[in-house]
PDB file of N, CA and C in Angstrom:
ATOM      1  N   VAL A   1      12.548  13.894  12.701  1.00  0.00           N
ATOM      2  CA  VAL A   1      13.142  14.058  11.763  1.00  0.00           C
ATOM      3  C   VAL A   1      14.322  13.247  11.799  1.00  0.00           C
ATOM      4  N   LYS A   2      15.006  12.398  10.519  1.00  0.00           N
ATOM      5  CA  LYS A   2      16.018  11.721  10.342  1.00  0.00           C
ATOM      6  C   LYS A   2      16.703  10.868  11.187  1.00  0.00           C
ATOM      7  N   GLN A   3      15.355   9.867  11.732  1.00  0.00           N
ATOM      8  CA  GLN A   3      15.731   9.140  12.779  1.00  0.00           C
ATOM      9  C   GLN A   3      15.673   7.636  11.826  1.00  0.00           C
ATOM     10  N   TYR A   4      15.708   7.555  10.783  1.00  0.00           N
ATOM     11  CA  TYR A   4      16.218   6.559   9.915  1.00  0.00           C
ATOM     12  C   TYR A   4      17.721   6.867   8.730  1.00  0.00           C
ATOM     13  N   PRO A   5      17.726   5.978   8.004  1.00  0.00           N
ATOM     14  CA  PRO A   5      18.766   6.346   7.025  1.00  0.00           C
ATOM     15  C   PRO A   5      18.068   6.761   5.758  1.00  0.00           C
ATOM     16  N   PRO A   6      18.583   7.102   5.182  1.00  0.00           N
ATOM     17  CA  PRO A   6      17.940   8.002   3.574  1.00  0.00           C
ATOM     18  C   PRO A   6      17.629   6.599   3.253  1.00  0.00           C
ATOM     19  N   ASN A   7      16.757   7.236   1.734  1.00  0.00           N
ATOM     20  CA  ASN A   7      16.759   5.902   1.084  1.00  0.00           C
ATOM     21  C   ASN A   7      17.701   6.087  -0.065  1.00  0.00           C
ATOM     22  N   PRO A   8      17.691   4.952  -1.152  1.00  0.00           N
ATOM     23  CA  PRO A   8      18.931   5.489  -2.088  1.00  0.00           C
ATOM     24  C   PRO A   8      19.031   6.237  -2.699  1.00  0.00           C
ATOM     25  N   TYR A   9      17.916   7.526  -2.931  1.00  0.00           N
ATOM     26  CA  TYR A   9      18.060   8.359  -3.417  1.00  0.00           C
ATOM     27  C   TYR A   9      18.379   9.500  -2.648  1.00  0.00           C
ATOM     28  N   GLY A  10      18.722   9.585  -1.347  1.00  0.00           N
ATOM     29  CA  GLY A  10      19.346  10.484  -0.952  1.00  0.00           C
ATOM     30  C   GLY A  10      17.836  11.092   0.462  1.00  0.00           C
ATOM     31  N   LEU A  11      17.000  10.460   0.133  1.00  0.00           N
ATOM     32  CA  LEU A  11      15.622  11.668   1.026  1.00  0.00           C
ATOM     33  C   LEU A  11      15.382  10.699   2.141  1.00  0.00           C
ATOM     34  N   TYR A  12      14.860  12.163   2.871  1.00  0.00           N
ATOM     35  CA  TYR A  12      14.403  10.984   4.226  1.00  0.00           C
ATOM     36  C   TYR A  12      12.916  11.485   4.728  1.00  0.00           C
ATOM     37  N   ASP A  13      12.602  10.321   5.556  1.00  0.00           N
ATOM     38  CA  ASP A  13      11.115  10.449   6.084  1.00  0.00           C
ATOM     39  C   ASP A  13       9.795  10.185   5.054  1.00  0.00           C
ATOM     40  N   LEU A  14      10.107   9.736   3.983  1.00  0.00           N
ATOM     41  CA  LEU A  14       9.323   9.438   3.215  1.00  0.00           C
ATOM     42  C   LEU A  14       8.238   8.273   3.035  1.00  0.00           C
ATOM     43  N   SER A  15       8.562   7.340   4.603  1.00  0.00           N
ATOM     44  CA  SER A  15       7.614   6.333   4.926  1.00  0.00           C
ATOM     45  C   SER A  15       7.229   6.954   6.051  1.00  0.00           C
ATOM     46  N   GLY A  16       5.609   6.488   6.376  1.00  0.00           N
ATOM     47  CA  GLY A  16       4.597   6.946   7.390  1.00  0.00           C
ATOM     48  C   GLY A  16       4.443   7.686   8.142  1.00  0.00           C
ATOM     49  N   ASN A  17       4.410   8.610   6.814  1.00  0.00           N
ATOM     50  CA  ASN A  17       3.481   9.769   6.781  1.00  0.00           C
ATOM     51  C   ASN A  17       1.710   9.971   6.657  1.00  0.00           C
ATOM     52  N   VAL A  18       1.545   9.332   5.067  1.00  0.00           N
ATOM     53  CA  VAL A  18       0.349   8.627   5.178  1.00  0.00           C
ATOM     54  C   VAL A  18       0.252   7.496   4.310  1.00  0.00           C
ATOM     55  N   TRP A  19      -1.319   6.658   4.632  1.00  0.00           N
ATOM     56  CA  TRP A  19      -1.228   6.051   3.576  1.00  0.00           C
ATOM     57  C   TRP A  19      -1.218   6.065   2.124  1.00  0.00           C
ATOM     58  N   GLU A  20      -0.565   5.425   1.209  1.00  0.00           N
ATOM     59  CA  GLU A  20      -0.823   5.828  -0.310  1.00  0.00           C
ATOM     60  C   GLU A  20      -1.153   4.380  -0.881  1.00  0.00           C
ATOM     61  N   TRP A  21      -2.196   5.621  -1.954  1.00  0.00           N
ATOM     62  CA  TRP A  21      -3.036   4.813  -2.964  1.00  0.00           C
ATOM     63  C   TRP A  21      -1.860   3.988  -3.853  1.00  0.00           C
ATOM     64  N   CYS A  22      -2.033   3.351  -4.212  1.00  0.00           N
ATOM     65  CA  CYS A  22      -2.048   2.122  -5.582  1.00  0.00           C
ATOM     66  C   CYS A  22      -2.782   2.163  -6.598  1.00  0.00           C
ATOM     67  N   SER A  23      -1.881   1.941  -7.909  1.00  0.00           N
ATOM     68  CA  SER A  23      -2.788   1.691  -8.694  1.00  0.00           C
ATOM     69  C   SER A  23      -3.624   0.243  -9.076  1.00  0.00           C
ATOM     70  N   ASP A  24      -2.781  -0.673  -8.097  1.00  0.00           N
ATOM     71  CA  ASP A  24      -3.305  -2.337  -8.031  1.00  0.00           C
ATOM     72  C   ASP A  24      -4.874  -2.308  -7.360  1.00  0.00           C
ATOM     73  N   TRP A  25      -5.584  -2.605  -8.037  1.00  0.00           N
ATOM     74  CA  TRP A  25      -6.951  -3.257  -7.325  1.00  0.00           C
ATOM     75  C   TRP A  25      -7.119  -4.353  -6.431  1.00  0.00           C
ATOM     76  N   TYR A  26      -7.044  -4.140  -5.220  1.00  0.00           N
ATOM     77  CA  TYR A  26      -7.316  -5.112  -4.182  1.00  0.00           C
ATOM     78  C   TYR A  26      -7.889  -6.191  -4.215  1.00  0.00           C
ATOM     79  N   ARG A  27      -7.480  -7.261  -4.232  1.00  0.00           N
ATOM     80  CA  ARG A  27      -7.545  -8.645  -4.531  1.00  0.00           C
ATOM     81  C   ARG A  27      -6.703  -9.537  -3.461  1.00  0.00           C
ATOM     82  N   PRO A  28      -7.271 -10.045  -2.347  1.00  0.00           N
ATOM     83  CA  PRO A  28      -6.543 -10.699  -1.215  1.00  0.00           C
ATOM     84  C   PRO A  28      -5.758 -11.565  -1.274  1.00  0.00           C
ATOM     85  N   ASP A  29      -6.095 -12.439  -2.738  1.00  0.00           N
ATOM     86  CA  ASP A  29      -5.046 -13.214  -3.014  1.00  0.00           C
ATOM     87  C   ASP A  29      -4.273 -13.184  -3.935  1.00  0.00           C
ATOM     88  N   SER A  30      -4.030 -11.967  -4.612  1.00  0.00           N
ATOM     89  CA  SER A  30      -3.517 -11.344  -6.069  1.00  0.00           C
ATOM     90  C   SER A  30      -1.928 -11.707  -5.546  1.00  0.00           C
ATOM     91  N   TYR A  31      -1.166 -11.150  -4.731  1.00  0.00           N
ATOM     92  CA  TYR A  31       0.315 -11.365  -4.733  1.00  0.00           C
ATOM     93  C   TYR A  31       0.428 -12.888  -4.381  1.00  0.00           C
ATOM     94  N   SER A  32       0.018 -13.377  -3.705  1.00  0.00           N
ATOM     95  CA  SER A  32       0.218 -15.070  -3.561  1.00  0.00           C
ATOM     96  C   SER A  32       0.054 -15.749  -4.847  1.00  0.00           C
ATOM     97  N   THR A  33      -0.944 -15.446  -5.554  1.00  0.00           N
ATOM     98  CA  THR A  33      -1.458 -16.591  -6.663  1.00  0.00           C
ATOM     99  C   THR A  33      -0.142 -15.861  -7.781  1.00  0.00           C
ATOM    100  N   GLU A  34       0.582 -14.905  -7.758  1.00  0.00           N
ATOM    101  CA  GLU A  34       1.703 -14.375  -8.977  1.00  0.00           C
ATOM    102  C   GLU A  34       3.168 -15.403  -7.908  1.00  0.00           C
ATOM    103  N   ALA A  35       3.464 -15.136  -6.972  1.00  0.00           N
ATOM    104  CA  ALA A  35       4.415 -16.272  -6.374  1.00  0.00           C
ATOM    105  C   ALA A  35       4.504 -17.265  -6.375  1.00  0.00           C
ATOM    106  N   LYS A  36       3.217 -17.902  -6.723  1.00  0.00           N
ATOM    107  CA  LYS A  36       3.576 -19.609  -7.418  1.00  0.00           C
ATOM    108  C   LYS A  36       3.810 -19.286  -8.691  1.00  0.00           C
ATOM    109  N   LYS A  37       3.780 -18.530  -9.370  1.00  0.00           N
ATOM    110  CA  LYS A  37       4.302 -18.360 -10.789  1.00  0.00           C
ATOM    111  C   LYS A  37       5.668 -18.499 -10.411  1.00  0.00           C
ATOM    112  N   GLY A  38       6.537 -17.877  -9.937  1.00  0.00           N
ATOM    113  CA  GLY A  38       7.646 -17.752  -9.296  1.00  0.00           C
ATOM    114  C   GLY A  38       7.964 -16.552  -8.918  1.00  0.00           C
ATOM    115  N   LEU A  39       9.513 -16.442  -9.327  1.00  0.00           N
ATOM    116  CA  LEU A  39       9.599 -14.916  -8.816  1.00  0.00           C
ATOM    117  C   LEU A  39       9.240 -13.592  -9.432  1.00  0.00           C
ATOM    118  N   VAL A  40       8.588 -12.783  -8.443  1.00  0.00           N
ATOM    119  CA  VAL A  40       8.100 -12.012  -9.398  1.00  0.00           C
ATOM    120  C   VAL A  40       8.209 -10.492  -8.981  1.00  0.00           C
ATOM    121  N   ARG A  41       8.915  -9.632 -10.213  1.00  0.00           N
ATOM    122  CA  ARG A  41       9.028  -8.311 -10.230  1.00  0.00           C
ATOM    123  C   ARG A  41       8.145  -7.448 -10.565  1.00  0.00           C
ATOM    124  N   ASN A  42       7.988  -6.390  -9.484  1.00  0.00           N
ATOM    125  CA  ASN A  42       7.168  -5.634  -9.773  1.00  0.00           C
ATOM    126  C   ASN A  42       5.597  -6.097 -10.422  1.00  0.00           C
ATOM    127  N   PRO A  43       4.933  -7.144  -9.588  1.00  0.00           N
ATOM    128  CA  PRO A  43       3.720  -7.281 -10.223  1.00  0.00           C
ATOM    129  C   PRO A  43       2.469  -6.178 -10.763  1.00  0.00           C
ATOM    130  N   LYS A  44       1.854  -6.517 -11.475  1.00  0.00           N
ATOM    131  CA  LYS A  44       1.017  -5.392 -12.177  1.00  0.00           C
ATOM    132  C   LYS A  44      -0.323  -5.517 -11.577  1.00  0.00           C
ATOM    133  N   GLY A  45      -0.477  -6.331 -10.799  1.00  0.00           N
ATOM    134  CA  GLY A  45      -1.937  -6.264 -10.237  1.00  0.00           C
ATOM    135  C   GLY A  45      -2.799  -7.057 -10.595  1.00  0.00           C
ATOM    136  N   PRO A  46      -3.914  -7.251  -9.730  1.00  0.00           N
ATOM    137  CA  PRO A  46      -5.615  -7.682 -11.311  1.00  0.00           C
ATOM    138  C   PRO A  46      -6.320  -7.176 -11.445  1.00  0.00           C
ATOM    139  N   SER A  47      -6.784  -7.155 -12.629  1.00  0.00           N
ATOM    140  CA  SER A  47      -7.793  -6.247 -13.908  1.00  0.00           C
ATOM    141  C   SER A  47      -8.674  -6.054 -13.218  1.00  0.00           C
ATOM    142  N   GLU A  48      -9.361  -6.383 -12.377  1.00  0.00           N
ATOM    143  CA  GLU A  48     -10.174  -5.884 -11.377  1.00  0.00           C
ATOM    144  C   GLU A  48     -10.189  -6.542  -9.883  1.00  0.00           C
ATOM    145  N   GLY A  49     -10.804  -5.688  -8.995  1.00  0.00           N
ATOM    146  CA  GLY A  49     -10.304  -5.874  -7.738  1.00  0.00           C
ATOM    147  C   GLY A  49     -12.025  -6.788  -6.972  1.00  0.00           C
ATOM    148  N   PHE A  50     -11.720  -7.593  -5.946  1.00  0.00           N
ATOM    149  CA  PHE A  50     -12.392  -8.112  -5.207  1.00  0.00           C
ATOM    150  C   PHE A  50     -12.386  -8.589  -3.709  1.00  0.00           C
ATOM    151  N   ASP A  51     -13.098  -8.062  -2.813  1.00  0.00           N
ATOM    152  CA  ASP A  51     -12.958  -7.761  -1.724  1.00  0.00           C
ATOM    153  C   ASP A  51     -14.198  -8.924  -0.820  1.00  0.00           C
ATOM    154  N   PRO A  52     -13.975  -9.805  -0.417  1.00  0.00           N
ATOM    155  CA  PRO A  52     -14.874 -11.020   0.082  1.00  0.00           C
ATOM    156  C   PRO A  52     -15.569 -10.434   1.316  1.00  0.00           C
ATOM    157  N   GLU A  53     -15.173  -9.781   1.830  1.00  0.00           N
ATOM    158  CA  GLU A  53     -16.044  -8.634   2.977  1.00  0.00           C
ATOM    159  C   GLU A  53     -16.759  -7.963   2.423  1.00  0.00           C
ATOM    160  N   GLU A  54     -16.722  -7.336   0.955  1.00  0.00           N
ATOM    161  CA  GLU A  54     -17.628  -6.507   0.939  1.00  0.00           C
ATOM    162  C   GLU A  54     -17.536  -6.946  -0.673  1.00  0.00           C
ATOM    163  N   PRO A  55     -18.070  -7.762  -1.805  1.00  0.00           N
ATOM    164  CA  PRO A  55     -18.302  -8.398  -2.828  1.00  0.00           C
ATOM    165  C   PRO A  55     -18.417  -7.386  -3.991  1.00  0.00           C
ATOM    166  N   GLY A  56     -19.410  -6.068  -3.821  1.00  0.00           N
ATOM    167  CA  GLY A  56     -19.671  -5.003  -4.784  1.00  0.00           C
ATOM    168  C   GLY A  56     -18.861  -3.950  -4.510  1.00  0.00           C
ATOM    169  N   ALA A  57     -17.958  -3.589  -3.235  1.00  0.00           N
ATOM    170  CA  ALA A  57     -17.017  -2.433  -3.420  1.00  0.00           C
ATOM    171  C   ALA A  57     -15.999  -2.732  -4.409  1.00  0.00           C
ATOM    172  N   LYS A  58     -15.637  -1.298  -5.148  1.00  0.00           N
ATOM    173  CA  LYS A  58     -14.511  -1.260  -5.812  1.00  0.00           C
ATOM    174  C   LYS A  58     -13.478  -0.299  -4.680  1.00  0.00           C
ATOM    175  N   LYS A  59     -12.458  -1.586  -4.616  1.00  0.00           N
ATOM    176  CA  LYS A  59     -11.416  -1.190  -3.936  1.00  0.00           C
ATOM    177  C   LYS A  59      -9.812  -1.263  -4.159  1.00  0.00           C
ATOM    178  N   ARG A  60      -9.063  -0.393  -4.162  1.00  0.00           N
ATOM    179  CA  ARG A  60      -7.507  -0.457  -4.679  1.00  0.00           C
ATOM    180  C   ARG A  60      -6.704  -0.424  -3.280  1.00  0.00           C
ATOM    181  N   VAL A  61      -5.602  -1.047  -3.661  1.00  0.00           N
ATOM    182  CA  VAL A  61      -4.179  -1.390  -2.562  1.00  0.00           C
ATOM    183  C   VAL A  61      -4.164   0.207  -1.751  1.00  0.00           C
ATOM    184  N   HIS A  62      -3.797   0.085  -0.354  1.00  0.00           N
ATOM    185  CA  HIS A  62      -3.129   1.132   0.394  1.00  0.00           C
ATOM    186  C   HIS A  62      -1.838   0.544   0.498  1.00  0.00           C
ATOM    187  N   ARG A  63      -0.881   1.154   0.972  1.00  0.00           N
ATOM    188  CA  ARG A  63       0.358   0.998   1.158  1.00  0.00           C
ATOM    189  C   ARG A  63       1.055   1.804   2.430  1.00  0.00           C
ATOM    190  N   GLY A  64       2.013   1.107   3.122  1.00  0.00           N
ATOM    191  CA  GLY A  64       2.755   2.170   4.434  1.00  0.00           C
ATOM    192  C   GLY A  64       2.054   1.923   5.604  1.00  0.00           C
ATOM    193  N   GLY A  65       1.870   3.095   6.222  1.00  0.00           N
ATOM    194  CA  GLY A  65       0.946   3.594   7.435  1.00  0.00           C
ATOM    195  C   GLY A  65       0.501   4.716   7.317  1.00  0.00           C
ATOM    196  N   SER A  66       0.508   5.320   8.621  1.00  0.00           N
ATOM    197  CA  SER A  66      -0.268   6.843   8.801  1.00  0.00           C
ATOM    198  C   SER A  66       0.209   7.309   9.866  1.00  0.00           C
ATOM    199  N   PHE A  67       0.588   8.885   9.760  1.00  0.00           N
ATOM    200  CA  PHE A  67       1.016   9.264  11.072  1.00  0.00           C
ATOM    201  C   PHE A  67      -0.236   8.936  12.321  1.00  0.00           C
ATOM    202  N   LEU A  68      -1.220   8.931  11.575  1.00  0.00           N
ATOM    203  CA  LEU A  68      -2.505   8.596  13.450  1.00  0.00           C
ATOM    204  C   LEU A  68      -2.143   7.466  13.644  1.00  0.00           C
ATOM    205  N   CYS A  69      -1.098   6.378  13.575  1.00  0.00           N
ATOM    206  CA  CYS A  69      -0.712   5.317  13.867  1.00  0.00           C
ATOM    207  C   CYS A  69      -0.394   5.153  14.989  1.00  0.00           C
ATOM    208  N   SER A  70      -0.757   4.776  16.489  1.00  0.00           N
ATOM    209  CA  SER A  70       0.131   5.064  17.398  1.00  0.00           C
ATOM    210  C   SER A  70       1.639   4.019  17.118  1.00  0.00           C
ATOM    211  N   ASP A  71       2.836   4.030  18.114  1.00  0.00           N
ATOM    212  CA  ASP A  71       4.374   2.908  18.222  1.00  0.00           C
ATOM    213  C   ASP A  71       3.516   2.023  18.225  1.00  0.00           C
ATOM    214  N   GLN A  72       2.674   1.101  19.300  1.00  0.00           N
ATOM    215  CA  GLN A  72       2.239  -0.130  19.171  1.00  0.00           C
ATOM    216  C   GLN A  72       1.580  -0.564  18.291  1.00  0.00           C
ATOM    217  N   PHE A  73       0.626   0.071  17.728  1.00  0.00           N
ATOM    218  CA  PHE A  73      -0.373  -0.112  16.818  1.00  0.00           C
ATOM    219  C   PHE A  73       0.731  -0.299  15.348  1.00  0.00           C
ATOM    220  N   CYS A  74       1.377   0.249  14.896  1.00  0.00           N
ATOM    221  CA  CYS A  74       2.347   1.044  13.962  1.00  0.00           C
ATOM    222  C   CYS A  74       3.539   0.270  13.944  1.00  0.00           C
ATOM    223  N   ALA A  75       3.646  -0.419  14.925  1.00  0.00           N
ATOM    224  CA  ALA A  75       5.203  -1.116  14.988  1.00  0.00           C
ATOM    225  C   ALA A  75       5.244  -2.131  13.936  1.00  0.00           C
ATOM    226  N   ARG A  76       4.627  -2.647  13.088  1.00  0.00           N
ATOM    227  CA  ARG A  76       4.430  -3.794  12.432  1.00  0.00           C
ATOM    228  C   ARG A  76       4.312  -3.188  10.946  1.00  0.00           C
ATOM    229  N   TYR A  77       3.933  -1.942  10.485  1.00  0.00           N
ATOM    230  CA  TYR A  77       3.950  -1.402   9.560  1.00  0.00           C
ATOM    231  C   TYR A  77       5.408  -1.232   8.696  1.00  0.00           C
ATOM    232  N   ILE A  78       5.619  -2.072   7.509  1.00  0.00           N
ATOM    233  CA  ILE A  78       6.782  -1.073   6.593  1.00  0.00           C
ATOM    234  C   ILE A  78       6.357  -0.779   5.594  1.00  0.00           C
ATOM    235  N   LEU A  79       6.994  -0.375   4.614  1.00  0.00           N
ATOM    236  CA  LEU A  79       7.046   0.004   3.357  1.00  0.00           C
ATOM    237  C   LEU A  79       5.281  -0.791   2.348  1.00  0.00           C
ATOM    238  N   GLY A  80       5.769  -2.407   2.696  1.00  0.00           N
ATOM    239  CA  GLY A  80       5.218  -3.051   1.995  1.00  0.00           C
ATOM    240  C   GLY A  80       4.029  -3.516   2.607  1.00  0.00           C
ATOM    241  N   THR A  81       4.018  -2.513   3.864  1.00  0.00           N
ATOM    242  CA  THR A  81       2.505  -3.017   4.811  1.00  0.00           C
ATOM    243  C   THR A  81       0.912  -2.776   3.689  1.00  0.00           C
ATOM    244  N   ARG A  82      -0.362  -3.978   3.737  1.00  0.00           N
ATOM    245  CA  ARG A  82      -1.031  -3.128   2.530  1.00  0.00           C
ATOM    246  C   ARG A  82      -2.082  -3.623   2.749  1.00  0.00           C
ATOM    247  N   SER A  83      -2.945  -2.651   2.676  1.00  0.00           N
ATOM    248  CA  SER A  83      -4.577  -2.342   3.394  1.00  0.00           C
ATOM    249  C   SER A  83      -5.128  -2.279   2.050  1.00  0.00           C
ATOM    250  N   LYS A  84      -6.505  -2.122   2.440  1.00  0.00           N
ATOM    251  CA  LYS A  84      -7.499  -1.973   0.673  1.00  0.00           C
ATOM    252  C   LYS A  84      -8.031  -0.468   1.508  1.00  0.00           C
ATOM    253  N   GLY A  85      -8.926   0.069   0.320  1.00  0.00           N
ATOM    254  CA  GLY A  85     -10.038   1.519   0.399  1.00  0.00           C
ATOM    255  C   GLY A  85     -10.886   1.307  -1.201  1.00  0.00           C
ATOM    256  N   GLU A  86     -11.711   1.919  -0.788  1.00  0.00           N
ATOM    257  CA  GLU A  86     -12.821   1.948  -1.447  1.00  0.00           C
ATOM    258  C   GLU A  86     -12.177   3.100  -2.637  1.00  0.00           C
ATOM    259  N   VAL A  87     -12.394   3.257  -3.553  1.00  0.00           N
ATOM    260  CA  VAL A  87     -11.772   4.219  -4.757  1.00  0.00           C
ATOM    261  C   VAL A  87     -12.484   5.910  -4.529  1.00  0.00           C
ATOM    262  N   SER A  88     -13.566   5.819  -3.431  1.00  0.00           N
ATOM    263  CA  SER A  88     -14.675   6.829  -3.368  1.00  0.00           C
ATOM    264  C   SER A  88     -13.747   7.455  -2.140  1.00  0.00           C
ATOM    265  N   THR A  89     -12.954   7.034  -1.116  1.00  0.00           N
ATOM    266  CA  THR A  89     -12.585   7.352  -0.123  1.00  0.00           C
ATOM    267  C   THR A  89     -11.449   8.424   0.007  1.00  0.00           C
ATOM    268  N   GLY A  90     -11.606   9.139   0.629  1.00  0.00           N
ATOM    269  CA  GLY A  90     -10.859  10.476   1.043  1.00  0.00           C
ATOM    270  C   GLY A  90     -10.524  10.536   1.944  1.00  0.00           C
ATOM    271  N   THR A  91      -8.878  10.934   3.365  1.00  0.00           N
ATOM    272  CA  THR A  91      -9.445  10.713   4.267  1.00  0.00           C
ATOM    273  C   THR A  91      -7.923  11.921   4.444  1.00  0.00           C
ATOM    274  N   SER A  92      -7.658  12.446   5.667  1.00  0.00           N
ATOM    275  CA  SER A  92      -6.049  13.556   5.797  1.00  0.00           C
ATOM    276  C   SER A  92      -5.092  12.308   5.826  1.00  0.00           C
ATOM    277  N   HIS A  93      -5.223  11.383   6.263  1.00  0.00           N
ATOM    278  CA  HIS A  93      -4.002  10.751   6.368  1.00  0.00           C
ATOM    279  C   HIS A  93      -4.336   9.640   5.162  1.00  0.00           C
ATOM    280  N   LEU A  94      -4.572   9.581   3.526  1.00  0.00           N
ATOM    281  CA  LEU A  94      -4.189   9.205   2.670  1.00  0.00           C
ATOM    282  C   LEU A  94      -3.793  10.101   1.670  1.00  0.00           C
ATOM    283  N   GLY A  95      -2.703   9.464   0.921  1.00  0.00           N
ATOM    284  CA  GLY A  95      -2.058  10.087  -0.369  1.00  0.00           C
ATOM    285  C   GLY A  95      -1.784   9.256  -1.885  1.00  0.00           C
ATOM    286  N   PHE A  96      -0.802   9.176  -2.130  1.00  0.00           N
ATOM    287  CA  PHE A  96      -0.415   8.558  -3.055  1.00  0.00           C
ATOM    288  C   PHE A  96       0.892   8.389  -3.629  1.00  0.00           C
ATOM    289  N   ARG A  97       1.239   7.707  -4.344  1.00  0.00           N
ATOM    290  CA  ARG A  97       2.691   7.097  -4.835  1.00  0.00           C
ATOM    291  C   ARG A  97       2.771   7.863  -6.067  1.00  0.00           C
ATOM    292  N   CYS A  98       3.982   8.573  -6.370  1.00  0.00           N
ATOM    293  CA  CYS A  98       4.248   9.010  -7.566  1.00  0.00           C
ATOM    294  C   CYS A  98       5.003   7.706  -8.316  1.00  0.00           C
ATOM    295  N   VAL A  99       4.666   7.001  -9.429  1.00  0.00           N
ATOM    296  CA  VAL A  99       5.384   5.993  -9.764  1.00  0.00           C
ATOM    297  C   VAL A  99       5.868   6.438 -11.666  1.00  0.00           C
ATOM    298  N   ARG A 100       6.623   5.563 -11.846  1.00  0.00           N
ATOM    299  CA  ARG A 100       6.971   5.387 -13.224  1.00  0.00           C
ATOM    300  C   ARG A 100       7.261   4.019 -13.521  1.00  0.00           C
ATOM    301  N   ASP A 101       5.855   3.568 -14.482  1.00  0.00           N
ATOM    302  CA  ASP A 101       6.111   2.388 -15.104  1.00  0.00           C
ATOM    303  C   ASP A 101       7.263   2.098 -16.086  1.00  0.00           C
TER     304      ASP A 101
END
């Protein structure tokens, strides 16, 4: 507890608890495509998802990491780490982010 400094709101320990569902559809090239257009702030993500490994699956972005990760495995995970999951998936180490558009 409190091993890292608080975020700008003064809150501690909000990262690394669970992977977080995000509203962005998963598409492996979406962020790199946006970056080629120049500086991108708060990209909205693609209008639909596509995973070349499973073309028919509807997937959204996960960010962060979870309490299930070992130190060695998840040492590279930061808030911006991105993964993917089918929209029908639910597990004990997957939550969501509260955001305001």
